[in-house]
Amino acid sequence: MDQGTELYEVVARFYEAGGGLDGASWGQALDGVRRVLEAHTVALLSIDLAQRSLLFYAEAGDAPPEALLDYTRSYHVIDPRLARVLTMAAGRWAHCHEVFDDAFVASDPFYQEFLLPYGGR
């Protein structure tokens, strides 16, 4: 499958999941993104900024189930990637390895206590 066709299929899965199509899931849609990006895990989430609470979370990848529980319980509050994304204009893309250097990662509690132990970066 060429890259253009693969990207078309990834976008189609998002429309199916978002539309609640029978048999479609956010996990399937996100797994397409994970494959295209060759990522460890891809997540889609919604946060109520006023309440600082997680409203929706879906993921695909190699993270163990307890990672989702830990993220939902506490680590979403200190996730520096979220603060970065919230300041970006619509349509922009952020790769955390391009934004957060090794020195930042070495001293940040989110990376040290959560992401790195679960195999991410």
PDB file of N, CA and C in Angstrom:
ATOM      1  N   MET A   1       0.845  -1.170   0.000  1.00  0.00           N
ATOM      2  CA  MET A   1       0.000   0.000   0.000  1.00  0.00           C
ATOM      3  C   MET A   1       0.891   1.234   0.000  1.00  0.00           C
ATOM      4  N   ASP A   2       0.645   2.188  -0.919  1.00  0.00           N
ATOM      5  CA  ASP A   2       1.474   3.388  -0.938  1.00  0.00           C
ATOM      6  C   ASP A   2       1.060   4.334   0.189  1.00  0.00           C
ATOM      7  N   GLN A   3       1.923   5.310   0.482  1.00  0.00           N
ATOM      8  CA  GLN A   3       1.708   6.178   1.633  1.00  0.00           C
ATOM      9  C   GLN A   3       0.415   6.979   1.512  1.00  0.00           C
ATOM     10  N   GLY A   4       0.086   7.465   0.319  1.00  0.00           N
ATOM     11  CA  GLY A   4      -1.144   8.229   0.131  1.00  0.00           C
ATOM     12  C   GLY A   4      -2.376   7.412   0.450  1.00  0.00           C
ATOM     13  N   THR A   5      -2.405   6.171   0.006  1.00  0.00           N
ATOM     14  CA  THR A   5      -3.530   5.286   0.293  1.00  0.00           C
ATOM     15  C   THR A   5      -3.601   4.977   1.780  1.00  0.00           C
ATOM     16  N   GLU A   6      -2.457   4.739   2.396  1.00  0.00           N
ATOM     17  CA  GLU A   6      -2.427   4.441   3.821  1.00  0.00           C
ATOM     18  C   GLU A   6      -2.948   5.633   4.638  1.00  0.00           C
ATOM     19  N   LEU A   7      -2.542   6.834   4.287  1.00  0.00           N
ATOM     20  CA  LEU A   7      -3.024   8.020   4.998  1.00  0.00           C
ATOM     21  C   LEU A   7      -4.526   8.192   4.804  1.00  0.00           C
ATOM     22  N   TYR A   8      -5.020   7.925   3.610  1.00  0.00           N
ATOM     23  CA  TYR A   8      -6.453   7.995   3.349  1.00  0.00           C
ATOM     24  C   TYR A   8      -7.198   7.011   4.253  1.00  0.00           C
ATOM     25  N   GLU A   9      -6.671   5.824   4.408  1.00  0.00           N
ATOM     26  CA  GLU A   9      -7.291   4.814   5.273  1.00  0.00           C
ATOM     27  C   GLU A   9      -7.264   5.252   6.737  1.00  0.00           C
ATOM     28  N   VAL A  10      -6.175   5.864   7.181  1.00  0.00           N
ATOM     29  CA  VAL A  10      -6.071   6.352   8.554  1.00  0.00           C
ATOM     30  C   VAL A  10      -7.155   7.407   8.810  1.00  0.00           C
ATOM     31  N   VAL A  11      -7.295   8.349   7.901  1.00  0.00           N
ATOM     32  CA  VAL A  11      -8.308   9.396   8.048  1.00  0.00           C
ATOM     33  C   VAL A  11      -9.712   8.790   8.019  1.00  0.00           C
ATOM     34  N   ALA A  12      -9.935   7.822   7.157  1.00  0.00           N
ATOM     35  CA  ALA A  12     -11.243   7.165   7.080  1.00  0.00           C
ATOM     36  C   ALA A  12     -11.604   6.503   8.404  1.00  0.00           C
ATOM     37  N   ARG A  13     -10.614   5.864   9.070  1.00  0.00           N
ATOM     38  CA  ARG A  13     -10.885   5.232  10.372  1.00  0.00           C
ATOM     39  C   ARG A  13     -11.279   6.271  11.423  1.00  0.00           C
ATOM     40  N   PHE A  14     -10.697   7.485  11.340  1.00  0.00           N
ATOM     41  CA  PHE A  14     -11.066   8.543  12.274  1.00  0.00           C
ATOM     42  C   PHE A  14     -12.519   8.963  12.072  1.00  0.00           C
ATOM     43  N   TYR A  15     -12.922   9.126  10.830  1.00  0.00           N
ATOM     44  CA  TYR A  15     -14.317   9.481  10.553  1.00  0.00           C
ATOM     45  C   TYR A  15     -15.267   8.387  11.031  1.00  0.00           C
ATOM     46  N   GLU A  16     -14.897   7.141  10.835  1.00  0.00           N
ATOM     47  CA  GLU A  16     -15.741   6.030  11.276  1.00  0.00           C
ATOM     48  C   GLU A  16     -15.866   6.003  12.798  1.00  0.00           C
ATOM     49  N   ALA A  17     -14.739   6.151  13.493  1.00  0.00           N
ATOM     50  CA  ALA A  17     -14.770   6.135  14.963  1.00  0.00           C
ATOM     51  C   ALA A  17     -15.555   7.331  15.497  1.00  0.00           C
ATOM     52  N   GLY A  18     -15.289   8.497  14.948  1.00  0.00           N
ATOM     53  CA  GLY A  18     -15.982   9.707  15.394  1.00  0.00           C
ATOM     54  C   GLY A  18     -17.466   9.681  15.109  1.00  0.00           C
ATOM     55  N   GLY A  19     -17.852   8.993  14.035  1.00  0.00           N
ATOM     56  CA  GLY A  19     -19.258   8.882  13.670  1.00  0.00           C
ATOM     57  C   GLY A  19     -19.983   7.756  14.373  1.00  0.00           C
ATOM     58  N   GLY A  20     -19.260   6.978  15.183  1.00  0.00           N
ATOM     59  CA  GLY A  20     -19.891   5.878  15.910  1.00  0.00           C
ATOM     60  C   GLY A  20     -20.312   4.724  15.024  1.00  0.00           C
ATOM     61  N   LEU A  21     -19.637   4.545  13.906  1.00  0.00           N
ATOM     62  CA  LEU A  21     -19.971   3.462  12.976  1.00  0.00           C
ATOM     63  C   LEU A  21     -19.803   2.108  13.653  1.00  0.00           C
ATOM     64  N   ASP A  22     -20.741   1.208  13.413  1.00  0.00           N
ATOM     65  CA  ASP A  22     -20.654  -0.139  13.979  1.00  0.00           C
ATOM     66  C   ASP A  22     -19.317  -0.781  13.607  1.00  0.00           C
ATOM     67  N   GLY A  23     -18.665  -1.348  14.599  1.00  0.00           N
ATOM     68  CA  GLY A  23     -17.395  -2.035  14.367  1.00  0.00           C
ATOM     69  C   GLY A  23     -16.185  -1.123  14.354  1.00  0.00           C
ATOM     70  N   ALA A  24     -16.404   0.190  14.370  1.00  0.00           N
ATOM     71  CA  ALA A  24     -15.282   1.139  14.369  1.00  0.00           C
ATOM     72  C   ALA A  24     -14.915   1.482  15.805  1.00  0.00           C
ATOM     73  N   SER A  25     -13.630   1.690  16.053  1.00  0.00           N
ATOM     74  CA  SER A  25     -13.198   2.075  17.389  1.00  0.00           C
ATOM     75  C   SER A  25     -12.078   3.103  17.291  1.00  0.00           C
ATOM     76  N   TRP A  26     -11.937   3.874  18.358  1.00  0.00           N
ATOM     77  CA  TRP A  26     -10.833   4.828  18.412  1.00  0.00           C
ATOM     78  C   TRP A  26      -9.497   4.096  18.444  1.00  0.00           C
ATOM     79  N   GLY A  27      -9.460   2.924  19.064  1.00  0.00           N
ATOM     80  CA  GLY A  27      -8.227   2.152  19.091  1.00  0.00           C
ATOM     81  C   GLY A  27      -7.750   1.794  17.694  1.00  0.00           C
ATOM     82  N   GLN A  28      -8.675   1.375  16.826  1.00  0.00           N
ATOM     83  CA  GLN A  28      -8.314   1.046  15.445  1.00  0.00           C
ATOM     84  C   GLN A  28      -7.834   2.289  14.700  1.00  0.00           C
ATOM     85  N   ALA A  29      -8.551   3.402  14.904  1.00  0.00           N
ATOM     86  CA  ALA A  29      -8.167   4.643  14.227  1.00  0.00           C
ATOM     87  C   ALA A  29      -6.776   5.089  14.659  1.00  0.00           C
ATOM     88  N   LEU A  30      -6.528   5.045  15.958  1.00  0.00           N
ATOM     89  CA  LEU A  30      -5.231   5.490  16.477  1.00  0.00           C
ATOM     90  C   LEU A  30      -4.106   4.533  16.115  1.00  0.00           C
ATOM     91  N   ASP A  31      -4.428   3.257  15.963  1.00  0.00           N
ATOM     92  CA  ASP A  31      -3.392   2.304  15.571  1.00  0.00           C
ATOM     93  C   ASP A  31      -2.864   2.621  14.172  1.00  0.00           C
ATOM     94  N   GLY A  32      -3.711   3.122  13.304  1.00  0.00           N
ATOM     95  CA  GLY A  32      -3.243   3.548  11.981  1.00  0.00           C
ATOM     96  C   GLY A  32      -2.246   4.683  12.085  1.00  0.00           C
ATOM     97  N   VAL A  33      -2.532   5.634  12.950  1.00  0.00           N
ATOM     98  CA  VAL A  33      -1.601   6.753  13.176  1.00  0.00           C
ATOM     99  C   VAL A  33      -0.292   6.232  13.756  1.00  0.00           C
ATOM    100  N   ARG A  34      -0.401   5.326  14.719  1.00  0.00           N
ATOM    101  CA  ARG A  34       0.796   4.755  15.342  1.00  0.00           C
ATOM    102  C   ARG A  34       1.686   4.077  14.302  1.00  0.00           C
ATOM    103  N   ARG A  35       1.067   3.331  13.403  1.00  0.00           N
ATOM    104  CA  ARG A  35       1.847   2.648  12.353  1.00  0.00           C
ATOM    105  C   ARG A  35       2.526   3.654  11.423  1.00  0.00           C
ATOM    106  N   VAL A  36       1.785   4.659  10.966  1.00  0.00           N
ATOM    107  CA  VAL A  36       2.343   5.649  10.045  1.00  0.00           C
ATOM    108  C   VAL A  36       3.508   6.401  10.688  1.00  0.00           C
ATOM    109  N   LEU A  37       3.359   6.747  11.968  1.00  0.00           N
ATOM    110  CA  LEU A  37       4.405   7.498  12.667  1.00  0.00           C
ATOM    111  C   LEU A  37       5.497   6.610  13.254  1.00  0.00           C
ATOM    112  N   GLU A  38       5.282   5.283  13.196  1.00  0.00           N
ATOM    113  CA  GLU A  38       6.201   4.328  13.809  1.00  0.00           C
ATOM    114  C   GLU A  38       6.407   4.690  15.281  1.00  0.00           C
ATOM    115  N   ALA A  39       5.290   4.944  15.987  1.00  0.00           N
ATOM    116  CA  ALA A  39       5.322   5.388  17.373  1.00  0.00           C
ATOM    117  C   ALA A  39       5.129   4.230  18.338  1.00  0.00           C
ATOM    118  N   HIS A  40       5.570   4.410  19.562  1.00  0.00           N
ATOM    119  CA  HIS A  40       5.372   3.453  20.657  1.00  0.00           C
ATOM    120  C   HIS A  40       3.888   3.386  21.006  1.00  0.00           C
ATOM    121  N   THR A  41       3.287   4.534  21.254  1.00  0.00           N
ATOM    122  CA  THR A  41       1.881   4.641  21.620  1.00  0.00           C
ATOM    123  C   THR A  41       1.350   5.968  21.105  1.00  0.00           C
ATOM    124  N   VAL A  42       0.104   5.967  20.650  1.00  0.00           N
ATOM    125  CA  VAL A  42      -0.568   7.188  20.219  1.00  0.00           C
ATOM    126  C   VAL A  42      -1.829   7.316  21.058  1.00  0.00           C
ATOM    127  N   ALA A  43      -2.066   8.519  21.563  1.00  0.00           N
ATOM    128  CA  ALA A  43      -3.227   8.748  22.418  1.00  0.00           C
ATOM    129  C   ALA A  43      -4.030   9.939  21.912  1.00  0.00           C
ATOM    130  N   LEU A  44      -5.333   9.869  22.136  1.00  0.00           N
ATOM    131  CA  LEU A  44      -6.252  10.960  21.840  1.00  0.00           C
ATOM    132  C   LEU A  44      -6.994  11.239  23.132  1.00  0.00           C
ATOM    133  N   LEU A  45      -6.998  12.505  23.548  1.00  0.00           N
ATOM    134  CA  LEU A  45      -7.663  12.807  24.804  1.00  0.00           C
ATOM    135  C   LEU A  45      -8.365  14.149  24.754  1.00  0.00           C
ATOM    136  N   SER A  46      -9.308  14.289  25.674  1.00  0.00           N
ATOM    137  CA  SER A  46     -10.039  15.537  25.845  1.00  0.00           C
ATOM    138  C   SER A  46      -9.968  15.893  27.323  1.00  0.00           C
ATOM    139  N   ILE A  47      -9.681  17.167  27.596  1.00  0.00           N
ATOM    140  CA  ILE A  47      -9.520  17.623  28.974  1.00  0.00           C
ATOM    141  C   ILE A  47     -10.420  18.825  29.216  1.00  0.00           C
ATOM    142  N   ASP A  48     -11.101  18.826  30.350  1.00  0.00           N
ATOM    143  CA  ASP A  48     -11.846  19.991  30.804  1.00  0.00           C
ATOM    144  C   ASP A  48     -10.834  20.890  31.503  1.00  0.00           C
ATOM    145  N   LEU A  49     -10.449  21.975  30.847  1.00  0.00           N
ATOM    146  CA  LEU A  49      -9.399  22.840  31.383  1.00  0.00           C
ATOM    147  C   LEU A  49      -9.824  23.526  32.684  1.00  0.00           C
ATOM    148  N   ALA A  50     -11.089  23.893  32.792  1.00  0.00           N
ATOM    149  CA  ALA A  50     -11.560  24.560  33.998  1.00  0.00           C
ATOM    150  C   ALA A  50     -11.487  23.634  35.208  1.00  0.00           C
ATOM    151  N   GLN A  51     -11.833  22.369  35.016  1.00  0.00           N
ATOM    152  CA  GLN A  51     -11.835  21.400  36.108  1.00  0.00           C
ATOM    153  C   GLN A  51     -10.525  20.629  36.224  1.00  0.00           C
ATOM    154  N   ARG A  52      -9.660  20.789  35.227  1.00  0.00           N
ATOM    155  CA  ARG A  52      -8.404  20.030  35.147  1.00  0.00           C
ATOM    156  C   ARG A  52      -8.663  18.526  35.246  1.00  0.00           C
ATOM    157  N   SER A  53      -9.694  18.086  34.504  1.00  0.00           N
ATOM    158  CA  SER A  53     -10.038  16.665  34.548  1.00  0.00           C
ATOM    159  C   SER A  53     -10.061  16.081  33.143  1.00  0.00           C
ATOM    160  N   LEU A  54      -9.759  14.830  33.082  1.00  0.00           N
ATOM    161  CA  LEU A  54      -9.729  14.089  31.837  1.00  0.00           C
ATOM    162  C   LEU A  54     -11.146  13.647  31.492  1.00  0.00           C
ATOM    163  N   LEU A  55     -11.627  13.996  30.290  1.00  0.00           N
ATOM    164  CA  LEU A  55     -12.978  13.648  29.873  1.00  0.00           C
ATOM    165  C   LEU A  55     -13.013  12.406  28.990  1.00  0.00           C
ATOM    166  N   PHE A  56     -12.002  12.250  28.139  1.00  0.00           N
ATOM    167  CA  PHE A  56     -11.978  11.156  27.174  1.00  0.00           C
ATOM    168  C   PHE A  56     -10.530  10.766  26.940  1.00  0.00           C
ATOM    169  N   TYR A  57     -10.288   9.464  26.794  1.00  0.00           N
ATOM    170  CA  TYR A  57      -8.942   8.992  26.508  1.00  0.00           C
ATOM    171  C   TYR A  57      -9.039   7.706  25.708  1.00  0.00           C
ATOM    172  N   ALA A  58      -8.304   7.655  24.626  1.00  0.00           N
ATOM    173  CA  ALA A  58      -8.188   6.427  23.835  1.00  0.00           C
ATOM    174  C   ALA A  58      -6.741   6.324  23.379  1.00  0.00           C
ATOM    175  N   GLU A  59      -6.263   5.103  23.245  1.00  0.00           N
ATOM    176  CA  GLU A  59      -4.867   4.920  22.832  1.00  0.00           C
ATOM    177  C   GLU A  59      -4.711   3.649  22.016  1.00  0.00           C
ATOM    178  N   ALA A  60      -3.587   3.596  21.342  1.00  0.00           N
ATOM    179  CA  ALA A  60      -3.175   2.392  20.625  1.00  0.00           C
ATOM    180  C   ALA A  60      -1.670   2.299  20.765  1.00  0.00           C
ATOM    181  N   GLY A  61      -1.172   1.097  20.968  1.00  0.00           N
ATOM    182  CA  GLY A  61       0.261   0.923  21.072  1.00  0.00           C
ATOM    183  C   GLY A  61       0.649  -0.107  22.095  1.00  0.00           C
ATOM    184  N   ASP A  62       1.872   0.052  22.586  1.00  0.00           N
ATOM    185  CA  ASP A  62       2.476  -0.956  23.440  1.00  0.00           C
ATOM    186  C   ASP A  62       2.447  -0.633  24.931  1.00  0.00           C
ATOM    187  N   ALA A  63       1.770   0.434  25.328  1.00  0.00           N
ATOM    188  CA  ALA A  63       1.717   0.770  26.747  1.00  0.00           C
ATOM    189  C   ALA A  63       0.849  -0.246  27.489  1.00  0.00           C
ATOM    190  N   PRO A  64       1.279  -0.663  28.670  1.00  0.00           N
ATOM    191  CA  PRO A  64       0.480  -1.615  29.446  1.00  0.00           C
ATOM    192  C   PRO A  64      -0.782  -0.943  29.994  1.00  0.00           C
ATOM    193  N   PRO A  65      -1.810  -1.724  30.304  1.00  0.00           N
ATOM    194  CA  PRO A  65      -3.077  -1.152  30.794  1.00  0.00           C
ATOM    195  C   PRO A  65      -2.919  -0.265  32.031  1.00  0.00           C
ATOM    196  N   GLU A  66      -1.994  -0.607  32.919  1.00  0.00           N
ATOM    197  CA  GLU A  66      -1.831   0.209  34.120  1.00  0.00           C
ATOM    198  C   GLU A  66      -1.312   1.612  33.803  1.00  0.00           C
ATOM    199  N   ALA A  67      -0.697   1.800  32.640  1.00  0.00           N
ATOM    200  CA  ALA A  67      -0.250   3.139  32.250  1.00  0.00           C
ATOM    201  C   ALA A  67      -1.453   4.069  32.086  1.00  0.00           C
ATOM    202  N   LEU A  68      -2.508   3.577  31.470  1.00  0.00           N
ATOM    203  CA  LEU A  68      -3.722   4.380  31.316  1.00  0.00           C
ATOM    204  C   LEU A  68      -4.297   4.756  32.682  1.00  0.00           C
ATOM    205  N   LEU A  69      -4.323   3.808  33.600  1.00  0.00           N
ATOM    206  CA  LEU A  69      -4.848   4.097  34.937  1.00  0.00           C
ATOM    207  C   LEU A  69      -4.011   5.165  35.639  1.00  0.00           C
ATOM    208  N   ASP A  70      -2.699   5.024  35.588  1.00  0.00           N
ATOM    209  CA  ASP A  70      -1.824   6.016  36.225  1.00  0.00           C
ATOM    210  C   ASP A  70      -1.980   7.389  35.581  1.00  0.00           C
ATOM    211  N   TYR A  71      -2.051   7.421  34.249  1.00  0.00           N
ATOM    212  CA  TYR A  71      -2.202   8.696  33.548  1.00  0.00           C
ATOM    213  C   TYR A  71      -3.522   9.350  33.934  1.00  0.00           C
ATOM    214  N   THR A  72      -4.598   8.564  33.936  1.00  0.00           N
ATOM    215  CA  THR A  72      -5.925   9.090  34.251  1.00  0.00           C
ATOM    216  C   THR A  72      -6.008   9.570  35.694  1.00  0.00           C
ATOM    217  N   ARG A  73      -5.416   8.840  36.611  1.00  0.00           N
ATOM    218  CA  ARG A  73      -5.480   9.200  38.027  1.00  0.00           C
ATOM    219  C   ARG A  73      -4.711  10.470  38.352  1.00  0.00           C
ATOM    220  N   SER A  74      -3.512  10.614  37.788  1.00  0.00           N
ATOM    221  CA  SER A  74      -2.711  11.752  38.240  1.00  0.00           C
ATOM    222  C   SER A  74      -1.784  12.373  37.204  1.00  0.00           C
ATOM    223  N   TYR A  75      -1.182  11.600  36.343  1.00  0.00           N
ATOM    224  CA  TYR A  75      -0.102  12.151  35.523  1.00  0.00           C
ATOM    225  C   TYR A  75      -0.557  13.096  34.422  1.00  0.00           C
ATOM    226  N   HIS A  76      -1.836  13.056  34.022  1.00  0.00           N
ATOM    227  CA  HIS A  76      -2.301  14.011  33.014  1.00  0.00           C
ATOM    228  C   HIS A  76      -2.193  15.452  33.523  1.00  0.00           C
ATOM    229  N   VAL A  77      -2.226  15.628  34.831  1.00  0.00           N
ATOM    230  CA  VAL A  77      -2.161  16.964  35.425  1.00  0.00           C
ATOM    231  C   VAL A  77      -0.768  17.583  35.254  1.00  0.00           C
ATOM    232  N   ILE A  78       0.281  16.761  35.233  1.00  0.00           N
ATOM    233  CA  ILE A  78       1.644  17.306  35.117  1.00  0.00           C
ATOM    234  C   ILE A  78       2.291  17.007  33.762  1.00  0.00           C
ATOM    235  N   ASP A  79       1.513  16.577  32.792  1.00  0.00           N
ATOM    236  CA  ASP A  79       2.041  16.245  31.467  1.00  0.00           C
ATOM    237  C   ASP A  79       2.484  17.526  30.761  1.00  0.00           C
ATOM    238  N   PRO A  80       3.791  17.752  30.594  1.00  0.00           N
ATOM    239  CA  PRO A  80       4.264  18.982  29.956  1.00  0.00           C
ATOM    240  C   PRO A  80       3.912  19.051  28.469  1.00  0.00           C
ATOM    241  N   ARG A  81       3.631  17.921  27.874  1.00  0.00           N
ATOM    242  CA  ARG A  81       3.256  17.905  26.458  1.00  0.00           C
ATOM    243  C   ARG A  81       1.908  18.592  26.262  1.00  0.00           C
ATOM    244  N   LEU A  82       1.002  18.413  27.217  1.00  0.00           N
ATOM    245  CA  LEU A  82      -0.309  19.052  27.109  1.00  0.00           C
ATOM    246  C   LEU A  82      -0.190  20.566  27.163  1.00  0.00           C
ATOM    247  N   ALA A  83       0.609  21.073  28.093  1.00  0.00           N
ATOM    248  CA  ALA A  83       0.802  22.520  28.188  1.00  0.00           C
ATOM    249  C   ALA A  83       1.344  23.067  26.867  1.00  0.00           C
ATOM    250  N   ARG A  84       2.236  22.342  26.255  1.00  0.00           N
ATOM    251  CA  ARG A  84       2.815  22.758  24.972  1.00  0.00           C
ATOM    252  C   ARG A  84       1.765  22.771  23.864  1.00  0.00           C
ATOM    253  N   VAL A  85       0.981  21.716  23.777  1.00  0.00           N
ATOM    254  CA  VAL A  85      -0.035  21.605  22.721  1.00  0.00           C
ATOM    255  C   VAL A  85      -1.110  22.675  22.876  1.00  0.00           C
ATOM    256  N   LEU A  86      -1.490  22.992  24.101  1.00  0.00           N
ATOM    257  CA  LEU A  86      -2.542  23.983  24.329  1.00  0.00           C
ATOM    258  C   LEU A  86      -2.164  25.374  23.849  1.00  0.00           C
ATOM    259  N   THR A  87      -0.882  25.661  23.725  1.00  0.00           N
ATOM    260  CA  THR A  87      -0.440  26.979  23.258  1.00  0.00           C
ATOM    261  C   THR A  87      -0.244  27.023  21.741  1.00  0.00           C
ATOM    262  N   MET A  88      -0.403  25.905  21.075  1.00  0.00           N
ATOM    263  CA  MET A  88      -0.152  25.840  19.641  1.00  0.00           C
ATOM    264  C   MET A  88      -1.396  26.220  18.842  1.00  0.00           C
ATOM    265  N   ALA A  89      -1.164  26.778  17.672  1.00  0.00           N
ATOM    266  CA  ALA A  89      -2.266  27.102  16.763  1.00  0.00           C
ATOM    267  C   ALA A  89      -2.856  25.816  16.194  1.00  0.00           C
ATOM    268  N   ALA A  90      -4.122  25.876  15.854  1.00  0.00           N
ATOM    269  CA  ALA A  90      -4.783  24.719  15.237  1.00  0.00           C
ATOM    270  C   ALA A  90      -4.032  24.311  13.977  1.00  0.00           C
ATOM    271  N   GLY A  91      -3.932  23.005  13.768  1.00  0.00           N
ATOM    272  CA  GLY A  91      -3.278  22.489  12.577  1.00  0.00           C
ATOM    273  C   GLY A  91      -1.777  22.262  12.727  1.00  0.00           C
ATOM    274  N   ARG A  92      -1.216  22.657  13.851  1.00  0.00           N
ATOM    275  CA  ARG A  92       0.217  22.455  14.088  1.00  0.00           C
ATOM    276  C   ARG A  92       0.446  21.077  14.685  1.00  0.00           C
ATOM    277  N   TRP A  93       1.659  20.586  14.570  1.00  0.00           N
ATOM    278  CA  TRP A  93       2.012  19.245  15.015  1.00  0.00           C
ATOM    279  C   TRP A  93       3.224  19.337  15.917  1.00  0.00           C
ATOM    280  N   ALA A  94       3.236  18.576  17.006  1.00  0.00           N
ATOM    281  CA  ALA A  94       4.380  18.599  17.923  1.00  0.00           C
ATOM    282  C   ALA A  94       4.883  17.185  18.163  1.00  0.00           C
ATOM    283  N   HIS A  95       6.157  16.996  18.037  1.00  0.00           N
ATOM    284  CA  HIS A  95       6.815  15.737  18.401  1.00  0.00           C
ATOM    285  C   HIS A  95       7.619  16.048  19.658  1.00  0.00           C
ATOM    286  N   CYS A  96       7.341  15.333  20.753  1.00  0.00           N
ATOM    287  CA  CYS A  96       7.952  15.734  22.024  1.00  0.00           C
ATOM    288  C   CYS A  96       9.475  15.663  21.986  1.00  0.00           C
ATOM    289  N   HIS A  97      10.059  14.783  21.192  1.00  0.00           N
ATOM    290  CA  HIS A  97      11.523  14.725  21.156  1.00  0.00           C
ATOM    291  C   HIS A  97      12.118  15.974  20.511  1.00  0.00           C
ATOM    292  N   GLU A  98      11.318  16.721  19.747  1.00  0.00           N
ATOM    293  CA  GLU A  98      11.793  17.959  19.140  1.00  0.00           C
ATOM    294  C   GLU A  98      11.599  19.153  20.070  1.00  0.00           C
ATOM    295  N   VAL A  99      10.731  19.010  21.061  1.00  0.00           N
ATOM    296  CA  VAL A  99      10.389  20.108  21.963  1.00  0.00           C
ATOM    297  C   VAL A  99      11.118  19.997  23.298  1.00  0.00           C
ATOM    298  N   PHE A 100      11.211  18.779  23.822  1.00  0.00           N
ATOM    299  CA  PHE A 100      11.802  18.559  25.137  1.00  0.00           C
ATOM    300  C   PHE A 100      13.123  17.813  24.981  1.00  0.00           C
ATOM    301  N   ASP A 101      14.210  18.506  25.276  1.00  0.00           N
ATOM    302  CA  ASP A 101      15.530  17.904  25.114  1.00  0.00           C
ATOM    303  C   ASP A 101      15.847  16.946  26.264  1.00  0.00           C
ATOM    304  N   ASP A 102      16.971  16.268  26.143  1.00  0.00           N
ATOM    305  CA  ASP A 102      17.359  15.269  27.146  1.00  0.00           C
ATOM    306  C   ASP A 102      17.519  15.865  28.538  1.00  0.00           C
ATOM    307  N   ALA A 103      18.005  17.094  28.643  1.00  0.00           N
ATOM    308  CA  ALA A 103      18.170  17.735  29.953  1.00  0.00           C
ATOM    309  C   ALA A 103      16.804  17.955  30.610  1.00  0.00           C
ATOM    310  N   PHE A 104      15.818  18.380  29.828  1.00  0.00           N
ATOM    311  CA  PHE A 104      14.471  18.562  30.369  1.00  0.00           C
ATOM    312  C   PHE A 104      13.912  17.226  30.841  1.00  0.00           C
ATOM    313  N   VAL A 105      14.022  16.215  30.002  1.00  0.00           N
ATOM    314  CA  VAL A 105      13.504  14.891  30.332  1.00  0.00           C
ATOM    315  C   VAL A 105      14.157  14.341  31.597  1.00  0.00           C
ATOM    316  N   ALA A 106      15.450  14.570  31.757  1.00  0.00           N
ATOM    317  CA  ALA A 106      16.180  14.054  32.915  1.00  0.00           C
ATOM    318  C   ALA A 106      15.704  14.652  34.234  1.00  0.00           C
ATOM    319  N   SER A 107      15.095  15.832  34.194  1.00  0.00           N
ATOM    320  CA  SER A 107      14.684  16.485  35.429  1.00  0.00           C
ATOM    321  C   SER A 107      13.171  16.604  35.595  1.00  0.00           C
ATOM    322  N   ASP A 108      12.392  16.172  34.618  1.00  0.00           N
ATOM    323  CA  ASP A 108      10.947  16.352  34.673  1.00  0.00           C
ATOM    324  C   ASP A 108      10.250  15.163  35.326  1.00  0.00           C
ATOM    325  N   PRO A 109       9.399  15.397  36.339  1.00  0.00           N
ATOM    326  CA  PRO A 109       8.712  14.293  37.025  1.00  0.00           C
ATOM    327  C   PRO A 109       7.815  13.455  36.111  1.00  0.00           C
ATOM    328  N   PHE A 110       7.156  14.073  35.140  1.00  0.00           N
ATOM    329  CA  PHE A 110       6.294  13.318  34.241  1.00  0.00           C
ATOM    330  C   PHE A 110       7.090  12.252  33.489  1.00  0.00           C
ATOM    331  N   TYR A 111       8.224  12.655  32.952  1.00  0.00           N
ATOM    332  CA  TYR A 111       9.058  11.705  32.215  1.00  0.00           C
ATOM    333  C   TYR A 111       9.696  10.681  33.152  1.00  0.00           C
ATOM    334  N   GLN A 112      10.248  11.153  34.274  1.00  0.00           N
ATOM    335  CA  GLN A 112      10.992  10.270  35.173  1.00  0.00           C
ATOM    336  C   GLN A 112      10.101   9.287  35.921  1.00  0.00           C
ATOM    337  N   GLU A 113       8.930   9.733  36.346  1.00  0.00           N
ATOM    338  CA  GLU A 113       8.053   8.885  37.151  1.00  0.00           C
ATOM    339  C   GLU A 113       7.036   8.104  36.330  1.00  0.00           C
ATOM    340  N   PHE A 114       6.706   8.615  35.137  1.00  0.00           N
ATOM    341  CA  PHE A 114       5.643   7.979  34.368  1.00  0.00           C
ATOM    342  C   PHE A 114       6.093   7.480  32.997  1.00  0.00           C
ATOM    343  N   LEU A 115       6.429   8.390  32.113  1.00  0.00           N
ATOM    344  CA  LEU A 115       6.621   8.007  30.711  1.00  0.00           C
ATOM    345  C   LEU A 115       7.792   7.052  30.492  1.00  0.00           C
ATOM    346  N   LEU A 116       8.949   7.371  31.033  1.00  0.00           N
ATOM    347  CA  LEU A 116      10.110   6.496  30.841  1.00  0.00           C
ATOM    348  C   LEU A 116       9.906   5.112  31.463  1.00  0.00           C
ATOM    349  N   PRO A 117       9.400   5.016  32.695  1.00  0.00           N
ATOM    350  CA  PRO A 117       9.178   3.671  33.257  1.00  0.00           C
ATOM    351  C   PRO A 117       8.207   2.805  32.438  1.00  0.00           C
ATOM    352  N   TYR A 118       7.294   3.451  31.722  1.00  0.00           N
ATOM    353  CA  TYR A 118       6.360   2.696  30.887  1.00  0.00           C
ATOM    354  C   TYR A 118       6.864   2.507  29.450  1.00  0.00           C
ATOM    355  N   GLY A 119       8.097   2.875  29.208  1.00  0.00           N
ATOM    356  CA  GLY A 119       8.700   2.606  27.907  1.00  0.00           C
ATOM    357  C   GLY A 119       8.542   3.677  26.865  1.00  0.00           C
ATOM    358  N   GLY A 120       8.035   4.828  27.254  1.00  0.00           N
ATOM    359  CA  GLY A 120       7.858   5.918  26.296  1.00  0.00           C
ATOM    360  C   GLY A 120       8.964   6.929  26.386  1.00  0.00           C
ATOM    361  N   ARG A 121       8.943   7.893  25.484  1.00  0.00           N
ATOM    362  CA  ARG A 121       9.833   9.047  25.513  1.00  0.00           C
ATOM    363  C   ARG A 121       9.192  10.053  24.602  1.00  0.00           C
TER     364      ARG A 121
END
